[in-house]
């Protein structure tokens, strides 16, 4: 089957629209999905630039939403016409998947970041040559084929154009709070970086009952949005020392929990120093930055903890519906971070993501889609 896709042909290359990409035949546990929309994530940019590399040419995208067109013979939970959000693939068979921790799947890299399907075959080809995939999904396409375990069924009365980022950015930020940190009601939390992931973590802190939810950033418009979404306090770290400001807001103690989404050395160190005694910081960003030894000594003397988190320790089939429930209650207004772009404008949308002009760009692939149908 021929599809239209945005292909990156070389390291740091632009997205090129191709209409001659061949989609692999379905396998027994596959879904063929008509793509409605997809978010753009900073992980897509890392692979495009070659910061992390799967291989080229490659079709990126891993925050897709769409409508099931066909199902394989062994698919049990989906049927044609179902609306779905797509996420990462966990094998379901390794010890960690069986423990209910698919983000720690022992086959995670092979299944999501190898550029091929789990059985080693090509997901896409062009002129007979392999085109690498991402997250066993590659949502920068008009149609894709994914495993049943990649998909989360959602209600047809929701606007599919908005939902794709729930499968990565929003579930990562919120899951870091809900699943990993698990703050107690009445505790305090600071979130460093108010992009899509950070704002999701911040809203999760508010839902969890934190009495201080502190947003830290250097962009005034993002801090203003953070306050609209429930931050009790906003700190512009370009204008004031974030650690001192946080301690002032917490009677000198520091926060019980912190989340760093930046991967910036000085910010990560600040997120540790802003912790109260016994506090915990979760680091989300993939980075090559190194923390100073004095900061590590602070962990021992103040009994502080640093934890790394992949994809919010989430189970997409559990966590995405939970976020949708909060959204319906007006408690998780993730769509206020989004801006729609035409599929053909993918390079501009990606540039706006990189510059920070748009928090969460969403490519509308099917411009004929009507919400609720």
Protein backbone atom coordinates (compact mmCIF):
# COMPACT_ATOMS: atom_id res chain seq x y z
CA UNK A 1 0.00 0.00 0.00
CA UNK A 2 1.37 3.41 -0.97
CA UNK A 3 1.11 6.23 1.57
CA UNK A 4 2.17 9.84 1.99
CA UNK A 5 4.85 10.41 4.61
CA UNK A 6 7.30 13.03 5.84
CA UNK A 7 10.74 11.46 5.34
CA UNK A 8 14.09 12.63 6.71
CA UNK A 9 16.69 11.38 4.25
CA UNK A 10 19.89 12.31 6.07
CA UNK A 11 21.26 13.56 9.37
CA UNK A 12 19.92 17.06 10.11
CA UNK A 13 17.88 16.95 6.91
CA UNK A 14 14.52 18.62 6.43
CA UNK A 15 11.26 16.70 6.36
CA UNK A 16 10.45 15.84 2.74
CA UNK A 17 6.92 14.90 1.72
CA UNK A 18 6.87 11.66 -0.26
CA UNK A 19 3.79 10.00 -1.75
CA UNK A 20 5.50 6.80 -2.93
CA UNK A 21 6.33 5.18 0.42
CA UNK A 22 5.22 1.55 0.65
CA UNK A 23 3.60 0.40 3.90
CA UNK A 24 4.36 -3.13 5.07
CA UNK A 25 1.68 -5.81 4.94
CA UNK A 26 -0.24 -6.40 8.15
CA UNK A 27 0.71 -9.18 10.55
CA UNK A 28 -1.61 -11.13 12.83
CA UNK A 29 -1.51 -8.70 15.80
CA UNK A 30 -1.45 -5.51 13.72
CA UNK A 31 -3.82 -2.60 13.30
CA UNK A 32 -3.86 -0.50 10.13
CA UNK A 33 -4.56 3.05 11.26
CA UNK A 34 -5.73 6.03 9.21
CA UNK A 35 -3.85 8.92 10.76
CA UNK A 36 -5.88 11.99 11.77
CA UNK A 37 -3.21 13.99 13.60
CA UNK A 38 0.07 13.78 15.45
CA UNK A 39 2.04 15.86 17.89
CA UNK A 40 5.66 16.85 17.34
CA UNK A 41 7.99 16.00 20.22
CA UNK A 42 11.57 17.01 20.99
CA UNK A 43 12.50 13.33 20.61
CA UNK A 44 11.59 13.63 16.93
CA UNK A 45 14.00 16.55 16.66
CA UNK A 46 16.77 14.60 18.40
CA UNK A 47 16.47 11.82 15.82
CA UNK A 48 16.16 14.24 12.91
CA UNK A 49 19.36 16.03 13.93
CA UNK A 50 21.20 12.82 14.71
CA UNK A 51 21.67 13.56 18.42
CA UNK A 52 20.24 10.08 18.84
CA UNK A 53 20.37 8.01 15.71
CA UNK A 54 18.36 5.10 14.35
CA UNK A 55 19.37 5.49 10.72
CA UNK A 56 18.28 7.26 7.57
CA UNK A 57 16.05 7.61 5.71
CA UNK A 58 13.55 7.62 8.55
CA UNK A 59 9.89 8.43 9.17
CA UNK A 60 9.51 10.01 12.60
CA UNK A 61 6.46 10.76 14.76
CA UNK A 62 5.26 8.97 17.86
CA UNK A 63 2.30 10.99 19.20
CA UNK A 64 -0.29 9.85 16.70
CA UNK A 65 -4.07 9.57 16.79
CA UNK A 66 -6.30 8.00 14.19
CA UNK A 67 -9.00 5.58 13.15
CA UNK A 68 -8.56 1.83 12.79
CA UNK A 69 -9.13 0.67 9.20
CA UNK A 70 -8.20 -3.02 9.43
CA UNK A 71 -7.22 -5.51 12.14
CA UNK A 72 -5.09 -8.66 12.05
CA UNK A 73 -6.47 -12.13 12.65
CA UNK A 74 -5.22 -12.29 16.28
CA UNK A 75 -6.37 -8.80 17.36
CA UNK A 76 -8.92 -9.07 20.16
CA UNK A 77 -9.53 -5.58 21.53
CA UNK A 78 -10.01 -3.43 18.43
CA UNK A 79 -12.20 -3.33 15.36
CA UNK A 80 -12.40 -1.16 12.24
CA UNK A 81 -13.81 2.26 13.08
CA UNK A 82 -12.29 2.44 16.58
CA UNK A 83 -10.57 5.71 17.48
CA UNK A 84 -7.10 5.28 18.94
CA UNK A 85 -4.15 7.11 20.47
CA UNK A 86 -0.77 5.53 19.70
CA UNK A 87 2.11 5.14 22.13
CA UNK A 88 5.27 3.08 22.65
CA UNK A 89 5.46 -0.70 22.31
CA UNK A 90 6.14 -3.02 25.24
CA UNK A 91 6.59 -6.69 24.36
CA UNK A 92 4.27 -7.92 27.14
CA UNK A 93 6.36 -11.04 27.69
CA UNK A 94 9.57 -10.03 29.48
CA UNK A 95 9.81 -10.02 33.28
CA UNK A 96 9.33 -6.25 33.57
CA UNK A 97 6.29 -6.18 31.28
CA UNK A 98 4.81 -9.05 33.29
CA UNK A 99 5.39 -6.96 36.44
CA UNK A 100 3.32 -4.19 34.83
CA UNK A 101 6.25 -1.89 34.01
CA UNK A 102 6.30 -1.75 30.18
CA UNK A 103 8.48 1.39 30.21
CA UNK A 104 11.22 -0.90 31.56
CA UNK A 105 10.58 -3.55 28.89
CA UNK A 106 13.81 -5.50 28.39
CA UNK A 107 13.15 -5.29 24.66
CA UNK A 108 12.26 -1.57 24.71
CA UNK A 109 15.12 -0.39 22.49
CA UNK A 110 14.71 -3.23 20.00
CA UNK A 111 10.98 -2.62 19.73
CA UNK A 112 10.93 1.18 19.68
CA UNK A 113 14.32 2.50 18.62
CA UNK A 114 15.76 -0.06 16.20
CA UNK A 115 14.14 1.38 13.06
CA UNK A 116 12.44 -1.90 12.17
CA UNK A 117 9.46 -3.92 13.33
CA UNK A 118 9.85 -6.27 16.31
CA UNK A 119 10.51 -9.21 13.98
CA UNK A 120 13.26 -7.29 12.18
CA UNK A 121 11.33 -6.61 8.98
CA UNK A 122 10.96 -3.17 7.42
CA UNK A 123 7.91 -1.14 8.39
CA UNK A 124 8.28 1.10 5.33
CA UNK A 125 10.15 0.96 2.03
CA UNK A 126 10.81 3.36 -0.83
CA UNK A 127 12.00 2.07 -4.22
CA UNK A 128 12.60 -1.27 -2.53
CA UNK A 129 14.89 0.17 0.15
CA UNK A 130 14.15 0.22 3.88
CA UNK A 131 12.92 3.41 5.52
CA UNK A 132 13.45 3.33 9.29
CA UNK A 133 10.52 3.72 11.69
CA UNK A 134 10.15 5.22 15.16
CA UNK A 135 8.42 3.67 18.18
CA UNK A 136 6.98 0.95 15.91
CA UNK A 137 4.57 3.72 14.90
CA UNK A 138 5.92 6.53 12.68
CA UNK A 139 2.92 8.84 12.86
CA UNK A 140 4.17 11.38 10.28
CA UNK A 141 2.20 9.38 7.73
CA UNK A 142 -1.29 9.26 6.24
CA UNK A 143 -1.59 5.57 7.20
CA UNK A 144 0.49 3.36 9.43
CA UNK A 145 0.54 -0.19 10.77
CA UNK A 146 1.13 -0.76 14.49
CA UNK A 147 0.91 -3.60 16.95
CA UNK A 148 -2.20 -3.94 19.09
CA UNK A 149 -0.07 -3.10 22.14
CA UNK A 150 0.79 0.30 20.63
CA UNK A 151 -2.82 1.47 20.69
CA UNK A 152 -5.23 2.89 23.26
CA UNK A 153 -8.93 3.03 22.40
CA UNK A 154 -10.64 6.37 23.03
CA UNK A 155 -14.21 7.63 22.81
CA UNK A 156 -15.46 8.81 19.42
CA UNK A 157 -17.00 11.94 20.96
CA UNK A 158 -13.52 13.37 21.62
CA UNK A 159 -11.56 15.48 19.12
CA UNK A 160 -8.87 13.12 17.82
CA UNK A 161 -6.79 16.05 16.61
CA UNK A 162 -6.02 16.98 20.21
CA UNK A 163 -5.32 13.56 21.66
CA UNK A 164 -2.12 12.25 20.05
CA UNK A 165 0.32 13.95 22.46
CA UNK A 166 -1.32 12.06 25.33
CA UNK A 167 0.67 9.04 24.09
CA UNK A 168 4.05 10.61 24.91
CA UNK A 169 4.60 14.16 26.18
CA UNK A 170 1.57 14.45 28.42
CA UNK A 171 1.71 10.92 29.79
CA UNK A 172 5.44 11.35 30.47
CA UNK A 173 5.04 14.52 32.52
CA UNK A 174 1.92 13.48 34.40
CA UNK A 175 3.09 9.90 34.91
CA UNK A 176 6.32 11.11 36.48
CA UNK A 177 4.19 12.68 39.20
CA UNK A 178 1.35 10.15 39.47
CA UNK A 179 3.36 6.94 39.06
CA UNK A 180 6.90 7.76 40.20
CA UNK A 181 6.92 10.60 42.73
CA UNK A 182 3.40 9.99 44.11
CA UNK A 183 3.27 13.24 46.14
CA UNK A 184 1.10 13.21 49.24
CA UNK A 185 -1.77 15.72 49.55
CA UNK A 186 -0.39 18.82 51.23
CA UNK A 187 3.15 18.32 49.92
CA UNK A 188 5.03 20.76 47.66
CA UNK A 189 6.42 20.40 44.14
CA UNK A 190 8.47 22.51 41.72
CA UNK A 191 8.64 21.89 37.98
CA UNK A 192 11.64 23.19 36.07
CA UNK A 193 10.73 23.86 32.43
CA UNK A 194 7.15 24.55 31.36
CA UNK A 195 6.96 22.90 27.97
CA UNK A 196 4.34 20.24 27.31
CA UNK A 197 6.00 17.70 29.61
CA UNK A 198 6.56 20.19 32.42
CA UNK A 199 3.03 21.59 32.27
CA UNK A 200 1.64 18.06 32.37
CA UNK A 201 3.73 17.34 35.48
CA UNK A 202 2.57 20.60 37.02
CA UNK A 203 -1.12 19.81 36.42
CA UNK A 204 -0.57 16.34 37.90
CA UNK A 205 0.92 17.95 41.00
CA UNK A 206 -2.17 20.10 41.36
CA UNK A 207 -4.48 17.08 40.90
CA UNK A 208 -2.44 15.17 43.51
CA UNK A 209 -3.22 17.81 46.11
CA UNK A 210 0.10 19.63 46.38
CA UNK A 211 -0.42 22.91 48.20
CA UNK A 212 2.53 24.54 46.46
CA UNK A 213 2.89 23.91 42.72
CA UNK A 214 5.80 26.07 41.55
CA UNK A 215 6.56 26.59 37.85
CA UNK A 216 10.10 27.65 36.88
CA UNK A 217 10.99 28.92 33.40
CA UNK A 218 12.55 31.89 31.58
CA UNK A 219 9.68 32.56 29.16
CA UNK A 220 7.02 34.90 30.63
CA UNK A 221 4.20 33.65 28.37
CA UNK A 222 4.78 30.07 29.47
CA UNK A 223 4.79 31.06 33.13
CA UNK A 224 1.52 32.91 32.60
CA UNK A 225 -0.01 29.78 31.02
CA UNK A 226 1.32 27.73 33.94
CA UNK A 227 -0.62 29.95 36.34
CA UNK A 228 -3.75 29.54 34.22
CA UNK A 229 -3.30 25.78 34.40
CA UNK A 230 -3.01 25.74 38.18
CA UNK A 231 0.49 26.73 39.30
CA UNK A 232 0.31 28.44 42.67
CA UNK A 233 3.53 30.32 41.95
CA UNK A 234 5.68 31.12 38.91
CA UNK A 235 9.40 31.95 38.97
CA UNK A 236 11.29 33.49 36.07
CA UNK A 237 14.78 32.14 36.67
CA UNK A 238 16.27 34.68 34.30
CA UNK A 239 15.22 37.45 36.70
CA UNK A 240 15.78 35.80 40.09
CA UNK A 241 17.57 32.88 41.70
CA UNK A 242 15.11 29.98 41.47
CA UNK A 243 16.49 28.09 44.47
CA UNK A 244 16.28 31.12 46.75
CA UNK A 245 12.79 31.95 45.48
CA UNK A 246 11.58 28.40 46.08
CA UNK A 247 12.95 28.35 49.62
CA UNK A 248 11.31 31.69 50.32
CA UNK A 249 7.98 30.26 49.13
CA UNK A 250 8.38 27.21 51.39
CA UNK A 251 9.45 28.90 54.64
CA UNK A 252 13.08 28.11 53.97
CA UNK A 253 12.58 24.35 53.72
CA UNK A 254 12.55 23.71 49.98
CA UNK A 255 10.09 21.53 48.08
CA UNK A 256 9.26 17.92 48.81
CA UNK A 257 9.38 17.02 45.11
CA UNK A 258 10.83 18.48 41.93
CA UNK A 259 10.76 17.58 38.25
CA UNK A 260 13.45 18.66 35.80
CA UNK A 261 12.46 18.62 32.13
CA UNK A 262 15.35 20.72 30.82
CA UNK A 263 18.46 18.56 30.93
CA UNK A 264 20.47 21.75 31.53
CA UNK A 265 23.32 21.28 34.04
CA UNK A 266 22.71 24.42 36.11
CA UNK A 267 18.95 23.82 36.19
CA UNK A 268 19.35 20.18 37.22
CA UNK A 269 21.69 21.21 40.02
CA UNK A 270 19.18 23.85 41.11
CA UNK A 271 16.38 21.28 41.16
CA UNK A 272 18.41 19.25 43.69
CA UNK A 273 19.37 22.27 45.79
CA UNK A 274 15.73 23.39 45.91
CA UNK A 275 14.68 20.16 47.64
CA UNK A 276 13.76 19.96 51.29
CA UNK A 277 15.59 17.45 53.46
CA UNK A 278 14.43 14.02 52.32
CA UNK A 279 13.07 15.42 49.04
CA UNK A 280 13.10 13.72 45.64
CA UNK A 281 13.74 15.10 42.16
CA UNK A 282 12.77 13.25 38.97
CA UNK A 283 14.85 13.91 35.88
CA UNK A 284 13.10 13.42 32.55
CA UNK A 285 15.29 14.98 29.84
CA UNK A 286 17.81 12.84 27.98
CA UNK A 287 21.07 14.75 28.33
CA UNK A 288 24.85 14.41 28.30
CA UNK A 289 25.28 16.98 31.08
CA UNK A 290 27.26 16.12 34.23
CA UNK A 291 26.34 17.15 37.77
CA UNK A 292 29.05 18.62 40.03
CA UNK A 293 30.34 16.46 42.90
CA UNK A 294 29.32 19.01 45.54
CA UNK A 295 25.74 18.59 44.41
CA UNK A 296 25.99 14.82 44.81
CA UNK A 297 27.35 15.32 48.32
CA UNK A 298 24.16 17.26 49.06
CA UNK A 299 22.21 14.07 48.38
CA UNK A 300 23.92 12.29 51.25
CA UNK A 301 23.98 15.07 53.81
CA UNK A 302 20.36 16.09 53.18
CA UNK A 303 19.00 12.60 52.38
CA UNK A 304 17.83 13.79 48.97
CA UNK A 305 17.07 11.48 46.06
CA UNK A 306 17.37 11.71 42.26
CA UNK A 307 15.37 9.31 40.10
CA UNK A 308 15.37 8.88 36.34
CA UNK A 309 12.03 8.29 34.64
CA UNK A 310 11.22 6.89 31.20
CA UNK A 311 7.81 7.73 29.69
CA UNK A 312 6.39 8.54 33.12
CA UNK A 313 6.57 4.88 34.24
CA UNK A 314 3.25 4.69 32.41
CA UNK A 315 1.00 1.96 31.11
CA UNK A 316 -0.61 3.84 28.19
CA UNK A 317 -3.77 1.73 28.24
CA UNK A 318 -4.28 2.78 31.88
CA UNK A 319 -2.77 6.26 32.01
CA UNK A 320 -4.19 7.78 28.80
CA UNK A 321 -7.83 7.07 29.78
CA UNK A 322 -7.08 8.49 33.24
CA UNK A 323 -5.81 11.73 31.70
CA UNK A 324 -8.88 11.93 29.49
CA UNK A 325 -11.08 11.59 32.58
CA UNK A 326 -9.23 14.48 34.24
CA UNK A 327 -9.56 16.47 31.02
CA UNK A 328 -13.33 15.98 30.96
CA UNK A 329 -13.47 17.22 34.55
CA UNK A 330 -11.58 20.39 33.60
CA UNK A 331 -8.56 19.36 35.67
CA UNK A 332 -6.07 18.58 32.89
CA UNK A 333 -6.43 21.19 30.13
CA UNK A 334 -3.60 19.88 27.98
CA UNK A 335 -5.15 21.24 24.78
CA UNK A 336 -4.31 24.80 25.89
CA UNK A 337 -0.69 24.02 25.03
CA UNK A 338 -1.48 22.92 21.46
CA UNK A 339 -1.47 24.67 18.09
CA UNK A 340 -2.67 23.03 14.87
CA UNK A 341 -0.58 23.02 11.67
CA UNK A 342 -1.22 21.53 8.23
CA UNK A 343 0.70 18.31 7.55
CA UNK A 344 2.55 19.95 4.66
CA UNK A 345 3.80 22.65 7.06
CA UNK A 346 5.74 20.14 9.16
CA UNK A 347 9.08 21.94 8.82
CA UNK A 348 7.60 25.19 10.12
CA UNK A 349 5.81 23.36 12.93
CA UNK A 350 9.06 21.67 13.94
CA UNK A 351 10.94 24.98 13.83
CA UNK A 352 8.31 26.56 16.07
CA UNK A 353 8.73 23.66 18.50
CA UNK A 354 12.51 24.00 18.58
CA UNK A 355 12.38 27.79 19.08
CA UNK A 356 9.76 27.48 21.81
CA UNK A 357 7.28 29.61 19.87
CA UNK A 358 4.75 26.78 20.11
CA UNK A 359 4.61 24.53 23.14
CA UNK A 360 3.00 21.57 21.40
CA UNK A 361 2.63 21.68 17.60
CA UNK A 362 0.01 19.26 16.27
CA UNK A 363 0.00 18.27 12.61
CA UNK A 364 -3.51 17.75 11.24
CA UNK A 365 -2.99 15.00 8.67
CA UNK A 366 -6.63 14.45 7.71
CA UNK A 367 -8.09 17.92 7.16
CA UNK A 368 -11.47 16.37 6.33
CA UNK A 369 -11.87 14.85 9.80
CA UNK A 370 -14.84 16.09 11.80
CA UNK A 371 -14.75 15.68 15.61
CA UNK A 372 -17.40 13.38 17.01
CA UNK A 373 -17.75 11.27 13.86
